[in-house]
C-alpha atoms as a PDB file:
ATOM      1  CA  MET A   1     124.881 107.730  95.380  1.00  0.00           C
ATOM      2  CA  ALA A   2     122.263 105.511  92.524  1.00  0.00           C
ATOM      3  CA  VAL A   3     118.984 107.287  92.162  1.00  0.00           C
ATOM      4  CA  GLU A   4     116.360 106.231  94.164  1.00  0.00           C
ATOM      5  CA  GLY A   5     114.143 103.532  93.202  1.00  0.00           C
ATOM      6  CA  GLN A   6     117.777 101.446  92.107  1.00  0.00           C
ATOM      7  CA  VAL A   7     120.081  98.382  93.868  1.00  0.00           C
ATOM      8  CA  ILE A   8     122.967 100.092  95.374  1.00  0.00           C
ATOM      9  CA  PRO A   9     125.574  97.511  94.193  1.00  0.00           C
ATOM     10  CA  LEU A  10     128.484  98.206  96.771  1.00  0.00           C
ATOM     11  CA  ARG A  11     132.321  97.922  95.966  1.00  0.00           C
ATOM     12  CA  ASP A  12     134.664  98.136  99.182  1.00  0.00           C
ATOM     13  CA  ALA A  13     133.764  98.602 103.075  1.00  0.00           C
ATOM     14  CA  GLU A  14     134.233 102.463 102.493  1.00  0.00           C
ATOM     15  CA  GLU A  15     131.252 102.887 100.589  1.00  0.00           C
ATOM     16  CA  PHE A  16     128.955 100.291 102.784  1.00  0.00           C
ATOM     17  CA  ASP A  17     129.810 102.373 105.550  1.00  0.00           C
ATOM     18  CA  ALA A  18     129.453 105.767 103.766  1.00  0.00           C
ATOM     19  CA  ILE A  19     125.484 104.682 103.050  1.00  0.00           C
ATOM     20  CA  ILE A  20     125.002 102.763 106.344  1.00  0.00           C
ATOM     21  CA  ASP A  21     126.443 106.574 108.573  1.00  0.00           C
ATOM     22  CA  LYS A  22     123.751 108.635 106.257  1.00  0.00           C
ATOM     23  CA  GLU A  23     120.891 106.397 106.437  1.00  0.00           C
ATOM     24  CA  LYS A  24     121.603 105.847 109.900  1.00  0.00           C
ATOM     25  CA  GLU A  25     120.245 109.097 111.416  1.00  0.00           C
ATOM     26  CA  SER A  26     116.775 108.920 108.806  1.00  0.00           C
ATOM     27  CA  GLY A  27     116.067 105.648 110.375  1.00  0.00           C
ATOM     28  CA  ARG A  28     114.780 104.916 106.658  1.00  0.00           C
ATOM     29  CA  LEU A  29     115.018 101.162 106.831  1.00  0.00           C
ATOM     30  CA  ILE A  30     118.205  99.148 104.783  1.00  0.00           C
ATOM     31  CA  VAL A  31     118.101  96.061 102.757  1.00  0.00           C
ATOM     32  CA  ILE A  32     120.763  94.437 101.810  1.00  0.00           C
ATOM     33  CA  ASP A  33     120.886  91.152  99.803  1.00  0.00           C
ATOM     34  CA  PHE A  34     123.922  89.800 100.384  1.00  0.00           C
ATOM     35  CA  THR A  35     124.391  87.493  96.586  1.00  0.00           C
ATOM     36  CA  ALA A  36     127.395  85.568  94.237  1.00  0.00           C
ATOM     37  CA  SER A  37     127.455  85.781  90.838  1.00  0.00           C
ATOM     38  CA  TRP A  38     127.857  82.080  91.259  1.00  0.00           C
ATOM     39  CA  CYS A  39     124.702  81.033  93.071  1.00  0.00           C
ATOM     40  CA  PRO A  40     121.564  80.309  91.283  1.00  0.00           C
ATOM     41  CA  PRO A  41     118.913  81.271  94.459  1.00  0.00           C
ATOM     42  CA  CYS A  42     120.434  84.800  93.807  1.00  0.00           C
ATOM     43  CA  ARG A  43     120.125  85.134  90.651  1.00  0.00           C
ATOM     44  CA  PHE A  44     116.607  83.877  90.883  1.00  0.00           C
ATOM     45  CA  ILE A  45     115.784  86.315  93.356  1.00  0.00           C
ATOM     46  CA  ALA A  46     117.696  89.463  91.710  1.00  0.00           C
ATOM     47  CA  PRO A  47     115.018  90.729  89.868  1.00  0.00           C
ATOM     48  CA  VAL A  48     112.266  90.836  92.611  1.00  0.00           C
ATOM     49  CA  PHE A  49     114.389  92.305  94.620  1.00  0.00           C
ATOM     50  CA  ALA A  50     115.434  94.964  92.036  1.00  0.00           C
ATOM     51  CA  GLU A  51     111.398  95.395  91.328  1.00  0.00           C
ATOM     52  CA  LEU A  52     110.749  95.690  95.329  1.00  0.00           C
ATOM     53  CA  ALA A  53     113.522  98.515  95.009  1.00  0.00           C
ATOM     54  CA  LYS A  54     111.322 100.398  92.138  1.00  0.00           C
ATOM     55  CA  ALA A  55     108.311 100.093  94.484  1.00  0.00           C
ATOM     56  CA  HIS A  56     109.574 101.196  97.885  1.00  0.00           C
ATOM     57  CA  VAL A  57     111.802 104.175  96.931  1.00  0.00           C
ATOM     58  CA  HIS A  58     111.789 105.297 100.543  1.00  0.00           C
ATOM     59  CA  VAL A  59     114.010 102.081 101.824  1.00  0.00           C
ATOM     60  CA  THR A  60     117.784 101.697 100.777  1.00  0.00           C
ATOM     61  CA  PHE A  61     118.384  98.455  98.659  1.00  0.00           C
ATOM     62  CA  LEU A  62     121.794  97.468  98.561  1.00  0.00           C
ATOM     63  CA  LYS A  63     123.650  94.458  96.980  1.00  0.00           C
ATOM     64  CA  VAL A  64     127.209  92.692  98.030  1.00  0.00           C
ATOM     65  CA  ASP A  65     128.993  90.571  96.181  1.00  0.00           C
ATOM     66  CA  VAL A  66     129.983  88.176  98.824  1.00  0.00           C
ATOM     67  CA  ASP A  67     133.113  86.999  96.737  1.00  0.00           C
ATOM     68  CA  ASN A  68     133.976  91.040  96.074  1.00  0.00           C
ATOM     69  CA  VAL A  69     133.520  92.278  99.889  1.00  0.00           C
ATOM     70  CA  LYS A  70     134.835  89.857 101.692  1.00  0.00           C
ATOM     71  CA  GLU A  71     134.972  92.064 104.311  1.00  0.00           C
ATOM     72  CA  ILE A  72     131.168  93.295 105.018  1.00  0.00           C
ATOM     73  CA  ALA A  73     130.147  89.747 104.186  1.00  0.00           C
ATOM     74  CA  LYS A  74     132.348  88.760 107.894  1.00  0.00           C
ATOM     75  CA  ARG A  75     131.586  91.290 109.602  1.00  0.00           C
ATOM     76  CA  PHE A  76     127.380  90.451 109.146  1.00  0.00           C
ATOM     77  CA  GLU A  77     128.298  86.397 109.531  1.00  0.00           C
ATOM     78  CA  VAL A  78     126.586  85.752 105.837  1.00  0.00           C
ATOM     79  CA  THR A  79     127.134  81.988 105.560  1.00  0.00           C
ATOM     80  CA  ALA A  80     124.380  81.131 103.109  1.00  0.00           C
ATOM     81  CA  MET A  81     123.672  83.154  99.580  1.00  0.00           C
ATOM     82  CA  PRO A  82     120.968  84.582  98.937  1.00  0.00           C
ATOM     83  CA  THR A  83     121.007  86.143 102.843  1.00  0.00           C
ATOM     84  CA  PHE A  84     119.085  89.470 102.738  1.00  0.00           C
ATOM     85  CA  VAL A  85     119.862  91.958 105.736  1.00  0.00           C
ATOM     86  CA  PHE A  86     117.480  94.506 107.008  1.00  0.00           C
ATOM     87  CA  LEU A  87     119.041  97.370 109.219  1.00  0.00           C
ATOM     88  CA  LYS A  88     117.054 100.437 111.108  1.00  0.00           C
ATOM     89  CA  GLY A  89     119.395 103.260 112.697  1.00  0.00           C
ATOM     90  CA  GLY A  90     122.397 101.434 111.867  1.00  0.00           C
ATOM     91  CA  ASN A  91     121.353  97.771 114.028  1.00  0.00           C
ATOM     92  CA  GLU A  92     119.565  94.711 112.055  1.00  0.00           C
ATOM     93  CA  VAL A  93     116.219  94.090 112.648  1.00  0.00           C
ATOM     94  CA  HIS A  94     115.483  91.222 110.681  1.00  0.00           C
ATOM     95  CA  ARG A  95     117.610  88.630 108.289  1.00  0.00           C
ATOM     96  CA  ILE A  96     116.053  86.129 105.408  1.00  0.00           C
ATOM     97  CA  VAL A  97     118.376  83.662 104.367  1.00  0.00           C
ATOM     98  CA  GLY A  98     117.101  81.726 101.243  1.00  0.00           C
ATOM     99  CA  ALA A  99     115.155  83.087  97.771  1.00  0.00           C
ATOM    100  CA  ASP A 100     111.848  83.458 100.031  1.00  0.00           C
ATOM    101  CA  LYS A 101     110.093  85.908  97.455  1.00  0.00           C
ATOM    102  CA  VAL A 102     107.367  86.195  99.697  1.00  0.00           C
ATOM    103  CA  GLU A 103     108.473  86.412 103.004  1.00  0.00           C
ATOM    104  CA  LEU A 104     111.139  89.506 101.347  1.00  0.00           C
ATOM    105  CA  GLY A 105     108.225  91.006 100.484  1.00  0.00           C
ATOM    106  CA  VAL A 106     106.409  91.006 103.227  1.00  0.00           C
ATOM    107  CA  LYS A 107     108.903  91.857 105.434  1.00  0.00           C
ATOM    108  CA  VAL A 108     110.065  95.014 103.225  1.00  0.00           C
ATOM    109  CA  LEU A 109     106.178  96.186 103.548  1.00  0.00           C
ATOM    110  CA  GLU A 110     106.282  95.849 106.994  1.00  0.00           C
ATOM    111  CA  LEU A 111     109.659  97.146 108.625  1.00  0.00           C
ATOM    112  CA  SER A 112     109.006  99.840 106.288  1.00  0.00           C
ATOM    113  CA  ALA A 113     105.834 100.626 107.120  1.00  0.00           C
ATOM    114  CA  ALA A 114     106.881 100.783 110.958  1.00  0.00           C
ATOM    115  CA  PRO A 115     108.144 103.470 113.030  1.00  0.00           C
ATOM    116  CA  ALA A 116     111.466 103.378 114.289  1.00  0.00           C
ATOM    117  CA  THR A 117     111.545 102.418 118.012  1.00  0.00           C
ATOM    118  CA  CYS A 118     113.861 102.582 120.524  1.00  0.00           C
ATOM    119  CA  ALA A 119     113.221  99.788 123.808  1.00  0.00           C
ATOM    120  CA  SER A 120     113.437 101.581 127.107  1.00  0.00           C
END
């Protein structure tokens, strides 16, 4: 497991599932960056994502290379890169498609501050 404040690159589905299971109970926000090495917008947004991880140590930041961990990309129906999926309690609460650094920063701030609630 990586140190807080770092982006955790995932190598396989088992590692992904272990992190999600661990964080599910905490209600902690998880942000997944679905990326590809050949994708110019992905390379543009990568340093922004890393800075967000440093600034928001109470949020778990994961990176999934869609070519290396196809099972997770398929599970989340990712069809464009970069795609950012926000999870709370193991459930998707928001998604951003594209390298929009302003929206990414705003959503991390907004969703990490909001308490986890369940609909009645």
